[in-house]
Amino acid sequence: MTNITLSMENETYSAMKKYSEIKWSEFIRKAIKQRIEELDKIEQSRNNEGILTMLASEHTLKKDWDNKKDERWDHV
């Protein structure tokens, strides 16, 4: 496991001491892990959007390209 150091305001640190029963390092580990999972979901959603857009565009282009009744394609 890797150690990290962080800085915080004195008031925040004093308030943390008030609740000494809380394992603050575990709390921070869980908060960071949760945020990373949220960011990964957002990134995955963006990637899926791009793929869906690409597939939809490909379908539309293929539909237009395969349209034999469209005389614009006669001279291509």
C-alpha atoms as a PDB file:
ATOM      1  CA  MET A   1       0.000   0.000   0.000  1.00  0.00           C
ATOM      2  CA  THR A   2       1.214   3.491  -0.819  1.00  0.00           C
ATOM      3  CA  ASN A   3       1.197   6.362   1.648  1.00  0.00           C
ATOM      4  CA  ILE A   4       0.158   9.885   0.734  1.00  0.00           C
ATOM      5  CA  THR A   5       0.357  13.159   2.604  1.00  0.00           C
ATOM      6  CA  LEU A   6      -2.234  15.885   2.343  1.00  0.00           C
ATOM      7  CA  SER A   7      -2.612  19.380   3.647  1.00  0.00           C
ATOM      8  CA  MET A   8      -5.726  20.767   5.251  1.00  0.00           C
ATOM      9  CA  GLU A   9      -6.872  23.812   7.134  1.00  0.00           C
ATOM     10  CA  ASN A  10      -6.208  23.872  10.877  1.00  0.00           C
ATOM     11  CA  GLU A  11      -9.920  24.253  11.615  1.00  0.00           C
ATOM     12  CA  THR A  12     -10.693  21.076   9.686  1.00  0.00           C
ATOM     13  CA  TYR A  13      -7.973  19.150  11.475  1.00  0.00           C
ATOM     14  CA  SER A  14      -9.237  20.364  14.859  1.00  0.00           C
ATOM     15  CA  ALA A  15     -12.748  19.259  13.970  1.00  0.00           C
ATOM     16  CA  MET A  16     -11.429  15.838  12.940  1.00  0.00           C
ATOM     17  CA  LYS A  17      -9.766  15.449  16.360  1.00  0.00           C
ATOM     18  CA  LYS A  18     -13.146  16.063  17.951  1.00  0.00           C
ATOM     19  CA  TYR A  19     -14.368  12.854  16.302  1.00  0.00           C
ATOM     20  CA  SER A  20     -11.372  10.687  17.116  1.00  0.00           C
ATOM     21  CA  GLU A  21     -13.460   7.490  16.953  1.00  0.00           C
ATOM     22  CA  ILE A  22     -13.613   7.872  13.167  1.00  0.00           C
ATOM     23  CA  LYS A  23     -10.783   6.228  11.247  1.00  0.00           C
ATOM     24  CA  TRP A  24     -10.131   9.195   8.993  1.00  0.00           C
ATOM     25  CA  SER A  25      -7.598   7.457   6.754  1.00  0.00           C
ATOM     26  CA  GLU A  26     -10.122   4.694   6.007  1.00  0.00           C
ATOM     27  CA  PHE A  27     -12.799   7.322   5.365  1.00  0.00           C
ATOM     28  CA  ILE A  28     -10.521   9.139   2.898  1.00  0.00           C
ATOM     29  CA  ARG A  29      -9.524   5.866   1.171  1.00  0.00           C
ATOM     30  CA  LYS A  30     -13.197   4.999   0.624  1.00  0.00           C
ATOM     31  CA  ALA A  31     -14.050   8.524  -0.564  1.00  0.00           C
ATOM     32  CA  ILE A  32     -11.209   8.502  -3.098  1.00  0.00           C
ATOM     33  CA  LYS A  33     -12.147   5.023  -4.328  1.00  0.00           C
ATOM     34  CA  GLN A  34     -15.800   6.051  -4.711  1.00  0.00           C
ATOM     35  CA  ARG A  35     -14.864   9.176  -6.660  1.00  0.00           C
ATOM     36  CA  ILE A  36     -12.618   7.189  -9.002  1.00  0.00           C
ATOM     37  CA  GLU A  37     -15.470   4.738  -9.654  1.00  0.00           C
ATOM     38  CA  GLU A  38     -17.793   7.659 -10.438  1.00  0.00           C
ATOM     39  CA  LEU A  39     -15.258   9.179 -12.832  1.00  0.00           C
ATOM     40  CA  ASP A  40     -14.718   5.802 -14.520  1.00  0.00           C
ATOM     41  CA  LYS A  41     -18.488   5.484 -15.067  1.00  0.00           C
ATOM     42  CA  ILE A  42     -18.627   8.964 -16.584  1.00  0.00           C
ATOM     43  CA  GLU A  43     -15.684   8.168 -18.851  1.00  0.00           C
ATOM     44  CA  GLN A  44     -17.221   4.844 -19.876  1.00  0.00           C
ATOM     45  CA  SER A  45     -20.509   6.608 -20.595  1.00  0.00           C
ATOM     46  CA  ARG A  46     -18.703   9.083 -22.843  1.00  0.00           C
ATOM     47  CA  ASN A  47     -16.965   6.239 -24.664  1.00  0.00           C
ATOM     48  CA  ASN A  48     -20.270   4.412 -25.139  1.00  0.00           C
ATOM     49  CA  GLU A  49     -21.882   7.591 -26.452  1.00  0.00           C
ATOM     50  CA  GLY A  50     -19.119   7.927 -29.020  1.00  0.00           C
ATOM     51  CA  ILE A  51     -19.477   4.312 -30.097  1.00  0.00           C
ATOM     52  CA  LEU A  52     -23.268   4.573 -30.332  1.00  0.00           C
ATOM     53  CA  THR A  53     -22.990   7.781 -32.354  1.00  0.00           C
ATOM     54  CA  MET A  54     -20.480   6.147 -34.670  1.00  0.00           C
ATOM     55  CA  LEU A  55     -22.696   3.079 -35.140  1.00  0.00           C
ATOM     56  CA  ALA A  56     -25.758   5.232 -35.751  1.00  0.00           C
ATOM     57  CA  SER A  57     -23.857   7.309 -38.302  1.00  0.00           C
ATOM     58  CA  GLU A  58     -22.549   4.186 -40.011  1.00  0.00           C
ATOM     59  CA  HIS A  59     -26.070   2.780 -40.202  1.00  0.00           C
ATOM     60  CA  THR A  60     -27.404   6.037 -41.662  1.00  0.00           C
ATOM     61  CA  LEU A  61     -24.576   6.298 -44.190  1.00  0.00           C
ATOM     62  CA  LYS A  62     -24.954   2.658 -45.216  1.00  0.00           C
ATOM     63  CA  LYS A  63     -28.687   3.116 -45.630  1.00  0.00           C
ATOM     64  CA  ASP A  64     -28.103   6.135 -47.879  1.00  0.00           C
ATOM     65  CA  TRP A  65     -25.298   4.433 -49.785  1.00  0.00           C
ATOM     66  CA  ASP A  66     -27.344   1.280 -50.451  1.00  0.00           C
ATOM     67  CA  ASN A  67     -30.306   3.238 -51.740  1.00  0.00           C
ATOM     68  CA  LYS A  68     -30.359   2.043 -55.356  1.00  0.00           C
ATOM     69  CA  LYS A  69     -33.483   4.041 -56.158  1.00  0.00           C
ATOM     70  CA  ASP A  70     -31.643   7.281 -55.521  1.00  0.00           C
ATOM     71  CA  GLU A  71     -30.486   8.504 -58.938  1.00  0.00           C
ATOM     72  CA  ARG A  72     -27.734  10.639 -57.377  1.00  0.00           C
ATOM     73  CA  TRP A  73     -25.681   7.431 -57.139  1.00  0.00           C
ATOM     74  CA  ASP A  74     -25.935   6.663 -60.832  1.00  0.00           C
ATOM     75  CA  HIS A  75     -23.002   8.898 -61.725  1.00  0.00           C
ATOM     76  CA  VAL A  76     -20.689   8.262 -58.791  1.00  0.00           C
END
